[in-house]
Structures are given as C-alpha cells and as structure tokens.
Amino acid sequence: MEQFTLAQAAEWTGGEAAGDAVLTAVSTDSRVIPPDALFLPIKGERFDGHDFIGKAIENGASAVMSHREHEEYPVPALYVENTSQALLDLAGGYRRLCGGKVVGVTGSVGKTTTKELLYAVLSQGLRAQKTEGNLNNEIGLPLTLFRMTRDTEVMVAEMGMNHFGELSRMTAAAQPDIAVITNIGTSHIEFLGSREGICKAKLEILEGLQPDGCAVFCGDEPLLWDKREQLGCRVVTYGVENSACDLTACLHKDGTFDIINNNLPDVALPCGERFAAKLAIPGAHNVLNALAAAAVGLLLGETPAQIAEGLASYEASGMRQNIYEQNGFHIYADCYNASPDAMEATLAVLGGMAPEGRRFAVLGSMLELGDYAEEGHRRAGRAAAKHADALYAYGPDAQAMVAGAKENGMERAFAFEDQAALVAALRQDAAKGDALLFKGSRGMRMERALAMFLGEDVEE
C-alpha cells in the first residue's frame, strides 16, 4: 500500500483529524495490525468494531478511525459520521492517489470467472491485480482497492450485491474506467423483485464510471441490449447469439472458438477480422465470459496473441467448475454458489460430458429466490431431466426440483432433506464410469456431500 497521511484521509472522508500520522496500511481487524496501520472499526449486526479500538492500539495501530465523537484515544484519530461509509470514501481517495485503471465486474452469474479471465488476459501485457477470494462487497471492495500501488496499471475489481444501492456505493469508491456486466439473471430476486429490478441494480455500477469510461456488457441479454443507447456512456457489447454485438464468437465442435471484431474500432484486432482462442474450463457459457475479457483486453491495448494466451492459461480452482476423475467416477464439482441460470448452464456441461455410464445431477437448493423459488427450482429440475439420467436433490426446495424433472419425463428423480441419506442412496445407485455433478447455493454445502460420497473426512 502507498503511503498516505491521516490528514489526507480526513480530506477523502470529510472527517476531522485529531493529530496526524503517516500510514501504510488499513486494517478492519483489531487482531491483525500491520506496521503504520490505521485501524478502521466497522459496526455490524452482531458486533461493533469500536469496542476493539483499545485492543487495536495495544497491537500497534498508529491511528484509529471512529464515529464515537466523544471518545478520545492515545493515538491520532479520525472522527467521521459513519465508519462504513468512510471506509468506501477512504478507498476512493486512495484509488485516486494511486492512479492506474480499474475494471469493475458485476453480474448475476459468472462475475468471478470473468474476473479471473480478465486478470489472466490483462496480466499478459499489464501490471494487473484482482479481487482475491470473495472480497467483493462494501467491505471487501475497499480492501481490494487498498492493494493498489502507483505501479498498478489495472485493478480488476469484482462487485457483488443483493440490494439496491450497494453497487452505487461501491462504484463511487472504485471509479471504474471500464464497467463489465456479465448478465441479468435471477440471483437475489428475493430482494430486487424482478429481473427488471436486478437489471436496474446492476446498472448502478455505471454511476461511478470515469467521464471517459466505457460499459462492456453481454448483448445476448435483451434487458441490457435494449438500454445500450440510453446509458450516457460508451457501450461495447459482446455475444454469441446476437450477431449485432461489437465482439462475437464462432464456436467449433472441438471446443475452440474464434473471436470476431464486428464493430470495435481502434484496437489491435481490425474490424472484420478474427483470432482463435480456447479455454481450459468447460461450458459454452464460459465463452461469453471469455468474450468479456477479450473486449476489455482489446480496449486496454492487448493484442490477440496476448488475449488468446491469457484465456488458455486460466484454470478453475477451489469449488468452481472442477472436472476430474476420482475413485472411478467423473466428478464435476461446482459447489460455490447457484442460481437458476447457473444451474442450467452447468447442467448443459454435464450433458456434454461423455462418460462410460450415466450422468447424475446432485443439486442443492438455491437460496434468495423469494417468490421465484418454486419456479426457479422447477426450472433446474427440467434442465436436469434434459441433461442427466438421474436427479438427487437436497434441501428445502428439493421437491420442486423433482417435480420439474418429472414434468420433463425424468423417472429417477429423488428429494432428500438429509445429506447423509442422499449420499447413502447415491452410493447404491452410482457406478464407476458414471459422471456426477455436485452444485448448490453456498449455504447448502454440496462440497460436503461430495466429500462424503468419495469417502473423505467431513466436518459436522
């Protein structure tokens, strides 16, 4: 982190400083205080970080921020109206101090994969950084921006949300030069009411766009495509189904694809020309994510060769999109999260797998769907019937998935309220050579069901 002073922090946040300090770190955890750190306490639903200011000072904090205006501290202090908003304001000021470009990424599905593909592409020719882990909310985004330095040429910042206003506050801090919207799905529809509401919330990312900034979004999504001339900024579109997009792809049977520049001027790929690309991760839906990364790469001066190299280099990790063989089974583990759109895309990948045996969809419930839960889970069940030979559904909406599967003619569809019971039944049914997809919302812990199925130790 670059050096800044408490006086600068006061200017960025509109706060009042008592004393000054030279700072090179910001911490929101009183237990982890680097040298020359500003401790910034956050008030949450279950705890208030202000109660740990004393501990942070004991652990070496050089300065503290506080919205307890009547408290005094033995180190320089910055008093603000609200530390949660001040964290965002501080990050915005620091982002301006560092310079460099920021690419903001949001969307209902695919934003993390797109972020990783963007980083893989942009790292080929630029000094790039990215959001690590799931630091994509109103606390995580500022911590991501604090990782920038004056040497950072581009930061790829993922921005998640589930309520109106969250992206508005985050984009004010990130001030993106390019804002990517991967799609408009049904994730968080419980809080946003409709796909139109989700679209409105996602478009908040454009509020913080730099004056000469650019929006990059999927033109296969009608809700975005129809608004492209109403957004008040430059818009670049990409798509597979919509041939009118600026950047499109032509898919080949061997899994490779051509990226075609239809109408993107002043980039290293002349209009009308194409280049070949490939991905190490499965699924036609990931070609859209690759197109988003390619579009940003071209806008930031990358060559087709650099983009192709970056796309090919990315490999999934953790609980996302992992396909491997173990104990004689073909395992497709994608347990990080789920929505109806993501379920359909992932099930299509399962359907494209060519095992010696059958295909099993082992699906956990999808959360935060509100009134759309019944239909969303029936959609997943219908997709399972299309792409799998059997469905093992787990969770509060398992019966709806089974109902959807049976609507589409699937006979081997089962609902479970207990993971152990599901795994016991699955072990009796599945045989070596079969392919098994494990997917569900994060709260369903489908990675645990997978570990149990494979005979690995699991935590209760």
Protein backbone atom coordinates (compact mmCIF):
# COMPACT_ATOMS: atom_id res chain seq x y z
CA MET A 1 0.00 0.00 0.00
CA GLU A 2 1.23 3.50 -0.80
CA GLN A 3 1.98 5.94 2.00
CA PHE A 4 -0.72 8.44 2.97
CA THR A 5 -1.40 10.66 5.97
CA LEU A 6 -4.27 10.94 8.39
CA ALA A 7 -4.76 14.47 7.10
CA GLN A 8 -5.28 13.10 3.59
CA ALA A 9 -7.68 10.51 4.97
CA ALA A 10 -9.64 13.31 6.62
CA GLU A 11 -9.88 15.13 3.29
CA TRP A 12 -11.06 12.00 1.47
CA THR A 13 -13.68 11.09 4.07
CA GLY A 14 -14.85 14.53 5.14
CA GLY A 15 -13.82 13.69 8.70
CA GLU A 16 -11.98 15.63 11.39
CA ALA A 17 -8.47 14.58 12.39
CA ALA A 18 -7.07 14.87 15.89
CA GLY A 19 -3.35 14.68 15.27
CA ASP A 20 -1.61 13.28 12.22
CA ALA A 21 0.23 10.12 11.25
CA VAL A 22 2.00 8.65 8.23
CA LEU A 23 0.23 5.42 7.29
CA THR A 24 0.97 2.48 5.01
CA ALA A 25 -1.83 0.06 5.92
CA VAL A 26 -5.51 -0.10 6.79
CA SER A 27 -6.98 -2.85 8.97
CA THR A 28 -10.55 -3.63 9.99
CA ASP A 29 -9.40 -6.48 12.28
CA SER A 30 -8.01 -5.46 15.67
CA ARG A 31 -6.11 -8.76 15.84
CA VAL A 32 -4.15 -8.09 12.64
CA ILE A 33 -2.40 -4.72 12.77
CA PRO A 34 0.49 -4.25 10.31
CA PRO A 35 3.13 -1.56 10.95
CA ASP A 36 1.97 2.04 10.46
CA ALA A 37 -1.66 0.94 10.22
CA LEU A 38 -4.91 2.85 10.52
CA PHE A 39 -7.47 0.77 12.42
CA LEU A 40 -10.93 1.23 10.94
CA PRO A 41 -13.72 -0.28 13.08
CA ILE A 42 -16.93 -1.44 11.40
CA LYS A 43 -20.24 -1.68 13.23
CA GLY A 44 -22.02 -4.87 12.22
CA GLU A 45 -25.28 -6.55 13.16
CA ARG A 46 -23.69 -8.67 15.90
CA PHE A 47 -20.66 -6.64 16.97
CA ASP A 48 -19.19 -3.15 16.87
CA GLY A 49 -15.54 -2.83 15.92
CA HIS A 50 -15.34 0.32 18.04
CA ASP A 51 -15.35 -1.93 21.09
CA PHE A 52 -11.96 -3.27 19.94
CA ILE A 53 -10.21 0.05 19.35
CA GLY A 54 -8.27 -0.37 22.59
CA LYS A 55 -7.08 -3.82 21.52
CA ALA A 56 -6.04 -2.46 18.12
CA ILE A 57 -3.97 0.24 19.82
CA GLU A 58 -2.39 -2.38 22.09
CA ASN A 59 -1.50 -4.32 18.96
CA GLY A 60 0.30 -1.32 17.46
CA ALA A 61 -2.21 0.76 15.48
CA SER A 62 -0.63 4.10 14.59
CA ALA A 63 -4.01 5.81 14.23
CA VAL A 64 -7.69 4.97 14.51
CA MET A 65 -10.92 5.99 12.86
CA SER A 66 -14.09 6.37 14.90
CA HIS A 67 -17.66 7.62 14.76
CA ARG A 68 -17.78 7.85 18.55
CA GLU A 69 -17.15 11.56 18.60
CA HIS A 70 -16.92 11.83 22.39
CA GLU A 71 -14.20 9.21 22.81
CA GLU A 72 -10.53 10.17 22.98
CA TYR A 73 -7.63 7.88 22.12
CA PRO A 74 -3.89 7.80 22.90
CA VAL A 75 -3.03 7.81 19.18
CA PRO A 76 -4.05 10.17 16.35
CA ALA A 77 -7.70 9.74 15.48
CA LEU A 78 -10.01 10.49 12.57
CA TYR A 79 -13.62 11.18 13.54
CA VAL A 80 -16.23 10.51 10.86
CA GLU A 81 -20.01 10.32 10.72
CA ASN A 82 -20.10 6.63 9.80
CA THR A 83 -17.07 4.36 9.53
CA SER A 84 -18.71 2.01 7.00
CA GLN A 85 -19.21 4.85 4.52
CA ALA A 86 -15.82 6.32 5.45
CA LEU A 87 -14.17 3.03 4.51
CA LEU A 88 -15.56 3.41 0.99
CA ASP A 89 -14.64 7.11 0.87
CA LEU A 90 -11.12 6.36 2.08
CA ALA A 91 -10.73 3.70 -0.59
CA GLY A 92 -11.94 6.13 -3.25
CA GLY A 93 -9.37 8.72 -2.23
CA TYR A 94 -6.63 6.12 -2.15
CA ARG A 95 -7.66 4.84 -5.58
CA ARG A 96 -7.23 8.38 -6.96
CA LEU A 97 -3.85 8.67 -5.24
CA CYS A 98 -2.57 5.52 -6.96
CA GLY A 99 -3.90 6.29 -10.40
CA GLY A 100 -3.99 3.32 -12.73
CA LYS A 101 -7.17 1.93 -14.19
CA VAL A 102 -9.96 -0.05 -12.56
CA VAL A 103 -12.13 -2.59 -14.32
CA GLY A 104 -15.30 -3.20 -12.31
CA VAL A 105 -17.11 -6.51 -12.82
CA THR A 106 -20.65 -7.38 -11.78
CA GLY A 107 -23.43 -9.66 -12.97
CA SER A 108 -25.87 -12.27 -11.74
CA VAL A 109 -23.79 -15.22 -12.94
CA GLY A 110 -20.17 -15.59 -13.97
CA LYS A 111 -18.66 -12.47 -12.45
CA THR A 112 -15.97 -14.34 -10.52
CA THR A 113 -14.96 -16.45 -13.54
CA THR A 114 -14.98 -13.32 -15.69
CA LYS A 115 -12.83 -11.53 -13.12
CA GLU A 116 -10.32 -14.37 -13.21
CA LEU A 117 -10.31 -14.46 -17.01
CA LEU A 118 -9.85 -10.69 -17.12
CA TYR A 119 -6.87 -10.95 -14.79
CA ALA A 120 -5.39 -13.78 -16.85
CA VAL A 121 -5.73 -11.72 -20.03
CA LEU A 122 -4.63 -8.35 -18.69
CA SER A 123 -1.63 -9.82 -16.87
CA GLN A 124 -0.14 -10.72 -20.23
CA GLY A 125 0.75 -7.12 -21.03
CA LEU A 126 -0.05 -5.03 -17.95
CA ARG A 127 0.84 -4.91 -14.25
CA ALA A 128 -2.52 -6.18 -13.04
CA GLN A 129 -4.11 -7.02 -9.72
CA LYS A 130 -7.51 -8.52 -8.89
CA THR A 131 -10.04 -9.10 -6.15
CA GLU A 132 -8.87 -12.02 -4.05
CA GLY A 133 -11.33 -14.58 -2.74
CA ASN A 134 -14.82 -13.21 -2.19
CA LEU A 135 -13.82 -9.65 -1.18
CA ASN A 136 -16.50 -8.19 -3.42
CA ASN A 137 -18.84 -6.41 -1.00
CA GLU A 138 -18.85 -2.99 0.66
CA ILE A 139 -16.04 -4.05 2.99
CA GLY A 140 -14.12 -6.32 0.65
CA LEU A 141 -14.02 -3.89 -2.27
CA PRO A 142 -12.20 -1.15 -0.31
CA LEU A 143 -9.71 -3.71 0.99
CA THR A 144 -9.15 -4.71 -2.64
CA LEU A 145 -8.52 -1.11 -3.68
CA PHE A 146 -6.03 -0.69 -0.82
CA ARG A 147 -3.87 -3.35 -2.53
CA MET A 148 -3.21 -0.98 -5.41
CA THR A 149 0.10 0.85 -5.69
CA ARG A 150 1.35 3.51 -8.05
CA ASP A 151 2.82 0.66 -10.13
CA THR A 152 -0.59 -0.96 -10.61
CA GLU A 153 -1.67 -0.42 -14.20
CA VAL A 154 -5.05 -2.09 -13.83
CA MET A 155 -7.09 -3.48 -10.95
CA VAL A 156 -9.84 -5.98 -11.76
CA ALA A 157 -12.42 -5.40 -9.03
CA GLU A 158 -15.36 -7.75 -8.59
CA MET A 159 -18.53 -6.17 -7.18
CA GLY A 160 -21.31 -8.31 -5.75
CA MET A 161 -24.65 -7.14 -4.43
CA ASN A 162 -28.11 -8.28 -3.39
CA HIS A 163 -29.85 -4.98 -2.57
CA PHE A 164 -30.41 -1.67 -4.33
CA GLY A 165 -27.77 0.95 -3.54
CA GLU A 166 -24.87 -1.39 -2.82
CA LEU A 167 -23.28 -1.13 -6.27
CA SER A 168 -23.91 2.61 -6.24
CA ARG A 169 -21.81 2.99 -3.10
CA MET A 170 -19.09 0.63 -4.29
CA THR A 171 -18.70 2.15 -7.74
CA ALA A 172 -18.34 5.62 -6.16
CA ALA A 173 -15.22 4.26 -4.46
CA ALA A 174 -13.86 2.18 -7.34
CA GLN A 175 -14.47 4.86 -10.02
CA PRO A 176 -14.06 2.26 -12.80
CA ASP A 177 -12.65 3.11 -16.20
CA ILE A 178 -14.46 0.07 -17.60
CA ALA A 179 -17.57 -1.49 -16.08
CA VAL A 180 -18.44 -5.06 -17.09
CA ILE A 181 -21.94 -6.53 -16.61
CA THR A 182 -21.90 -10.24 -17.39
CA ASN A 183 -25.66 -10.86 -17.42
CA ILE A 184 -29.01 -10.30 -15.71
CA GLY A 185 -30.23 -13.49 -14.06
CA THR A 186 -32.46 -14.28 -11.12
CA SER A 187 -29.93 -14.27 -8.28
CA HIS A 188 -31.18 -12.21 -5.31
CA ILE A 189 -34.59 -11.75 -6.92
CA GLU A 190 -35.99 -12.10 -3.37
CA PHE A 191 -34.63 -8.62 -2.59
CA LEU A 192 -34.87 -6.97 -6.02
CA GLY A 193 -38.33 -8.08 -7.06
CA SER A 194 -37.89 -8.92 -10.74
CA ARG A 195 -35.30 -9.29 -13.48
CA GLU A 196 -36.01 -5.67 -14.39
CA GLY A 197 -35.17 -4.73 -10.80
CA ILE A 198 -31.99 -6.78 -10.98
CA CYS A 199 -31.02 -5.00 -14.20
CA LYS A 200 -31.61 -1.61 -12.59
CA ALA A 201 -29.44 -2.60 -9.62
CA LYS A 202 -26.63 -3.91 -11.83
CA LEU A 203 -26.63 -0.72 -13.90
CA GLU A 204 -25.75 1.21 -10.73
CA ILE A 205 -22.14 0.26 -11.49
CA LEU A 206 -22.18 2.91 -14.23
CA GLU A 207 -22.84 5.72 -11.73
CA GLY A 208 -19.16 5.83 -10.72
CA LEU A 209 -17.79 5.39 -14.22
CA GLN A 210 -14.98 7.78 -15.17
CA PRO A 211 -16.12 10.59 -17.54
CA ASP A 212 -14.42 8.88 -20.47
CA GLY A 213 -15.26 5.40 -19.20
CA CYS A 214 -16.84 2.51 -21.04
CA ALA A 215 -19.54 -0.05 -20.25
CA VAL A 216 -18.93 -3.59 -21.50
CA PHE A 217 -21.85 -5.97 -21.34
CA CYS A 218 -23.43 -9.07 -22.82
CA GLY A 219 -25.56 -8.16 -25.82
CA ASP A 220 -27.26 -11.56 -25.73
CA GLU A 221 -29.23 -10.21 -22.75
CA PRO A 222 -32.23 -8.20 -24.11
CA LEU A 223 -32.61 -6.22 -20.88
CA LEU A 224 -29.10 -4.82 -21.42
CA TRP A 225 -29.16 -4.65 -25.20
CA ASP A 226 -32.32 -2.53 -25.24
CA LYS A 227 -30.74 0.04 -22.90
CA ARG A 228 -27.40 0.43 -24.68
CA GLU A 229 -28.28 3.80 -26.25
CA GLN A 230 -29.79 5.23 -23.06
CA LEU A 231 -26.85 4.90 -20.67
CA GLY A 232 -24.98 8.14 -21.37
CA CYS A 233 -21.60 6.47 -21.85
CA ARG A 234 -19.69 4.50 -24.43
CA VAL A 235 -21.02 0.94 -24.64
CA VAL A 236 -19.23 -2.11 -26.06
CA THR A 237 -21.26 -5.29 -26.44
CA TYR A 238 -20.26 -8.93 -26.81
CA GLY A 239 -22.33 -12.02 -27.52
CA VAL A 240 -22.66 -15.42 -29.10
CA GLU A 241 -26.30 -15.41 -30.18
CA ASN A 242 -26.59 -11.72 -31.09
CA SER A 243 -24.55 -11.20 -34.26
CA ALA A 244 -25.01 -7.41 -34.00
CA CYS A 245 -22.69 -7.24 -30.97
CA ASP A 246 -19.35 -5.48 -31.32
CA LEU A 247 -17.47 -8.66 -30.44
CA THR A 248 -18.83 -12.14 -31.17
CA ALA A 249 -17.64 -15.72 -31.13
CA CYS A 250 -17.93 -18.62 -33.52
CA LEU A 251 -17.84 -21.94 -31.64
CA HIS A 252 -16.26 -25.07 -33.08
CA LYS A 253 -17.02 -28.71 -32.30
CA ASP A 254 -13.56 -29.27 -30.79
CA GLY A 255 -14.27 -26.69 -28.06
CA THR A 256 -12.19 -23.90 -29.58
CA PHE A 257 -13.76 -20.70 -30.85
CA ASP A 258 -12.97 -17.68 -32.98
CA ILE A 259 -13.30 -14.17 -31.54
CA ILE A 260 -14.57 -11.77 -34.21
CA ASN A 261 -14.38 -7.98 -34.18
CA ASN A 262 -17.56 -6.75 -35.81
CA ASN A 263 -17.52 -3.11 -34.79
CA LEU A 264 -14.81 -2.26 -32.26
CA PRO A 265 -12.57 0.46 -33.73
CA ASP A 266 -9.03 1.45 -32.81
CA VAL A 267 -7.96 -1.87 -31.30
CA ALA A 268 -5.28 -4.40 -32.22
CA LEU A 269 -7.82 -6.62 -33.99
CA PRO A 270 -9.10 -4.79 -37.08
CA CYS A 271 -12.83 -4.73 -37.71
CA GLY A 272 -13.93 -7.77 -39.67
CA GLU A 273 -11.02 -9.94 -38.54
CA ARG A 274 -10.90 -12.81 -36.05
CA PHE A 275 -8.49 -14.88 -33.99
CA ALA A 276 -8.66 -18.36 -32.49
CA ALA A 277 -8.99 -18.99 -28.75
CA LYS A 278 -9.63 -21.82 -26.33
CA LEU A 279 -10.44 -22.34 -22.66
CA ALA A 280 -9.33 -24.95 -20.16
CA ILE A 281 -12.72 -24.71 -18.39
CA PRO A 282 -15.89 -26.33 -19.76
CA GLY A 283 -19.14 -24.85 -20.97
CA ALA A 284 -20.40 -22.69 -23.80
CA HIS A 285 -21.48 -20.14 -21.18
CA ASN A 286 -17.81 -19.55 -20.38
CA VAL A 287 -17.23 -18.40 -23.97
CA LEU A 288 -19.33 -15.36 -23.04
CA ASN A 289 -17.07 -14.74 -20.04
CA ALA A 290 -14.06 -15.07 -22.34
CA LEU A 291 -15.57 -12.54 -24.74
CA ALA A 292 -15.95 -10.06 -21.90
CA ALA A 293 -12.28 -10.49 -21.04
CA ALA A 294 -11.29 -10.20 -24.70
CA ALA A 295 -13.29 -7.00 -25.14
CA VAL A 296 -11.62 -5.37 -22.14
CA GLY A 297 -8.23 -6.64 -23.25
CA LEU A 298 -8.65 -5.06 -26.67
CA LEU A 299 -9.86 -1.78 -25.15
CA LEU A 300 -6.75 -1.65 -22.94
CA GLY A 301 -4.33 -2.33 -25.78
CA GLU A 302 -3.82 -6.09 -25.58
CA THR A 303 -3.01 -7.99 -28.75
CA PRO A 304 -4.98 -11.03 -29.96
CA ALA A 305 -1.98 -13.22 -29.12
CA GLN A 306 -1.88 -11.93 -25.54
CA ILE A 307 -5.62 -12.41 -25.14
CA ALA A 308 -5.51 -15.96 -26.51
CA GLU A 309 -2.59 -16.82 -24.23
CA GLY A 310 -4.36 -15.38 -21.19
CA LEU A 311 -7.62 -17.21 -21.87
CA ALA A 312 -5.85 -20.54 -22.38
CA SER A 313 -3.84 -20.12 -19.17
CA TYR A 314 -6.79 -19.84 -16.79
CA GLU A 315 -7.68 -22.93 -14.77
CA ALA A 316 -10.54 -23.13 -12.29
CA SER A 317 -9.69 -23.62 -8.63
CA GLY A 318 -11.42 -24.07 -5.30
CA MET A 319 -15.06 -25.14 -5.55
CA ARG A 320 -15.75 -23.76 -9.03
CA GLN A 321 -16.01 -25.68 -12.30
CA ASN A 322 -13.65 -28.51 -11.39
CA ILE A 323 -13.85 -31.62 -13.56
CA TYR A 324 -11.69 -34.57 -12.56
CA GLU A 325 -11.70 -38.33 -12.07
CA GLN A 326 -11.62 -39.98 -8.66
CA ASN A 327 -12.49 -43.48 -7.45
CA GLY A 328 -13.53 -44.37 -10.99
CA PHE A 329 -16.12 -41.56 -11.22
CA HIS A 330 -16.13 -38.47 -13.44
CA ILE A 331 -16.67 -35.64 -10.94
CA TYR A 332 -17.89 -32.17 -11.84
CA ALA A 333 -17.68 -30.03 -8.70
CA ASP A 334 -19.19 -26.55 -8.87
CA CYS A 335 -20.27 -26.02 -5.27
CA TYR A 336 -19.51 -22.34 -4.69
CA ASN A 337 -22.94 -20.94 -5.50
CA ALA A 338 -26.03 -21.43 -7.65
CA SER A 339 -28.90 -19.68 -9.38
CA PRO A 340 -31.42 -20.97 -11.94
CA ASP A 341 -29.33 -19.56 -14.80
CA ALA A 342 -26.11 -21.05 -13.45
CA MET A 343 -27.84 -24.39 -12.84
CA GLU A 344 -28.98 -24.58 -16.45
CA ALA A 345 -25.53 -23.68 -17.79
CA THR A 346 -23.76 -26.19 -15.54
CA LEU A 347 -26.24 -28.96 -16.31
CA ALA A 348 -25.60 -28.35 -20.01
CA VAL A 349 -21.91 -29.03 -19.33
CA LEU A 350 -22.86 -32.28 -17.58
CA GLY A 351 -24.97 -33.19 -20.61
CA GLY A 352 -21.96 -32.64 -22.84
CA MET A 353 -19.74 -34.97 -20.85
CA ALA A 354 -19.23 -38.42 -22.37
CA PRO A 355 -18.85 -40.92 -19.53
CA GLU A 356 -18.95 -44.66 -19.97
CA GLY A 357 -22.01 -44.75 -17.72
CA ARG A 358 -24.81 -42.44 -16.64
CA ARG A 359 -25.00 -38.76 -15.65
CA PHE A 360 -26.13 -37.82 -12.14
CA ALA A 361 -27.22 -34.29 -11.16
CA VAL A 362 -26.68 -33.89 -7.41
CA LEU A 363 -28.21 -30.49 -6.73
CA GLY A 364 -28.69 -28.43 -3.59
CA SER A 365 -31.38 -25.80 -3.20
CA MET A 366 -30.86 -22.25 -4.46
CA LEU A 367 -31.27 -19.51 -1.88
CA GLU A 368 -32.52 -15.90 -2.03
CA LEU A 369 -35.11 -16.55 -4.75
CA GLY A 370 -38.11 -15.37 -2.72
CA ASP A 371 -41.39 -15.84 -4.56
CA TYR A 372 -39.46 -17.21 -7.54
CA ALA A 373 -38.17 -20.19 -5.54
CA GLU A 374 -40.80 -22.68 -6.72
CA GLU A 375 -40.44 -21.87 -10.42
CA GLY A 376 -36.66 -21.45 -10.21
CA HIS A 377 -36.27 -24.93 -8.75
CA ARG A 378 -38.69 -26.42 -11.25
CA ARG A 379 -36.55 -24.86 -13.98
CA ALA A 380 -33.50 -26.57 -12.55
CA GLY A 381 -35.38 -29.87 -12.42
CA ARG A 382 -36.50 -29.54 -16.03
CA ALA A 383 -32.91 -28.83 -17.06
CA ALA A 384 -31.72 -31.86 -15.09
CA ALA A 385 -34.21 -34.03 -16.99
CA LYS A 386 -32.80 -32.70 -20.25
CA HIS A 387 -29.12 -33.25 -19.45
CA ALA A 388 -28.91 -36.00 -16.79
CA ASP A 389 -30.10 -39.56 -16.26
CA ALA A 390 -30.90 -39.10 -12.57
CA LEU A 391 -31.51 -36.24 -10.14
CA TYR A 392 -30.62 -36.30 -6.47
CA ALA A 393 -31.99 -33.07 -4.95
CA TYR A 394 -31.25 -31.81 -1.45
CA GLY A 395 -32.63 -29.02 0.66
CA PRO A 396 -35.86 -27.12 1.34
CA ASP A 397 -36.77 -26.88 -2.36
CA ALA A 398 -35.75 -30.37 -3.40
CA GLN A 399 -39.34 -31.42 -4.03
CA ALA A 400 -39.81 -28.57 -6.52
CA MET A 401 -36.71 -29.72 -8.44
CA VAL A 402 -38.03 -33.25 -8.53
CA ALA A 403 -41.42 -32.00 -9.74
CA GLY A 404 -39.75 -30.08 -12.57
CA ALA A 405 -37.70 -33.12 -13.55
CA LYS A 406 -40.79 -35.33 -13.68
CA GLU A 407 -42.60 -32.70 -15.77
CA ASN A 408 -39.89 -33.30 -18.37
CA GLY A 409 -40.17 -37.07 -18.18
CA MET A 410 -37.37 -37.99 -15.78
CA GLU A 411 -38.26 -41.04 -13.71
CA ARG A 412 -35.17 -41.27 -11.49
CA ALA A 413 -35.60 -38.03 -9.51
CA PHE A 414 -35.33 -38.09 -5.71
CA ALA A 415 -35.63 -35.47 -2.96
CA PHE A 416 -33.72 -35.55 0.33
CA GLU A 417 -33.78 -33.48 3.49
CA ASP A 418 -30.57 -35.03 4.83
CA GLN A 419 -27.20 -35.12 3.06
CA ALA A 420 -26.18 -38.40 4.66
CA ALA A 421 -29.34 -40.06 3.34
CA LEU A 422 -28.71 -38.62 -0.11
CA VAL A 423 -25.13 -39.87 -0.15
CA ALA A 424 -26.15 -43.34 1.06
CA ALA A 425 -28.71 -43.65 -1.74
CA LEU A 426 -26.32 -42.23 -4.32
CA ARG A 427 -23.64 -44.76 -3.40
CA GLN A 428 -26.12 -47.55 -4.01
CA ASP A 429 -27.09 -46.16 -7.40
CA ALA A 430 -23.93 -44.73 -8.97
CA ALA A 431 -21.29 -46.99 -10.51
CA LYS A 432 -17.74 -46.50 -11.73
CA GLY A 433 -17.73 -44.77 -15.10
CA ASP A 434 -20.66 -42.52 -14.18
CA ALA A 435 -20.44 -38.70 -14.22
CA LEU A 436 -21.70 -36.78 -11.18
CA LEU A 437 -22.34 -33.05 -10.93
CA PHE A 438 -22.46 -31.52 -7.44
CA LYS A 439 -23.88 -28.00 -7.31
CA GLY A 440 -25.95 -25.81 -4.99
CA SER A 441 -26.07 -22.49 -3.18
CA ARG A 442 -23.18 -21.84 -0.83
CA GLY A 443 -25.32 -22.44 2.22
CA MET A 444 -26.17 -25.97 1.07
CA ARG A 445 -22.52 -27.10 1.38
CA MET A 446 -22.66 -29.51 -1.53
CA GLU A 447 -18.89 -29.94 -1.32
CA ARG A 448 -19.61 -31.78 1.92
CA ALA A 449 -21.93 -34.21 0.13
CA LEU A 450 -19.22 -34.76 -2.48
CA ALA A 451 -16.59 -35.45 0.16
CA MET A 452 -18.92 -37.92 1.90
CA PHE A 453 -19.63 -39.66 -1.40
CA LEU A 454 -15.89 -40.04 -2.07
CA GLY A 455 -15.30 -41.39 1.42
CA GLU A 456 -13.36 -38.36 2.66
CA ASP A 457 -13.48 -36.94 6.17
CA VAL A 458 -16.01 -34.14 6.64
CA GLU A 459 -16.68 -31.66 9.41
CA GLU A 460 -20.01 -31.73 11.18
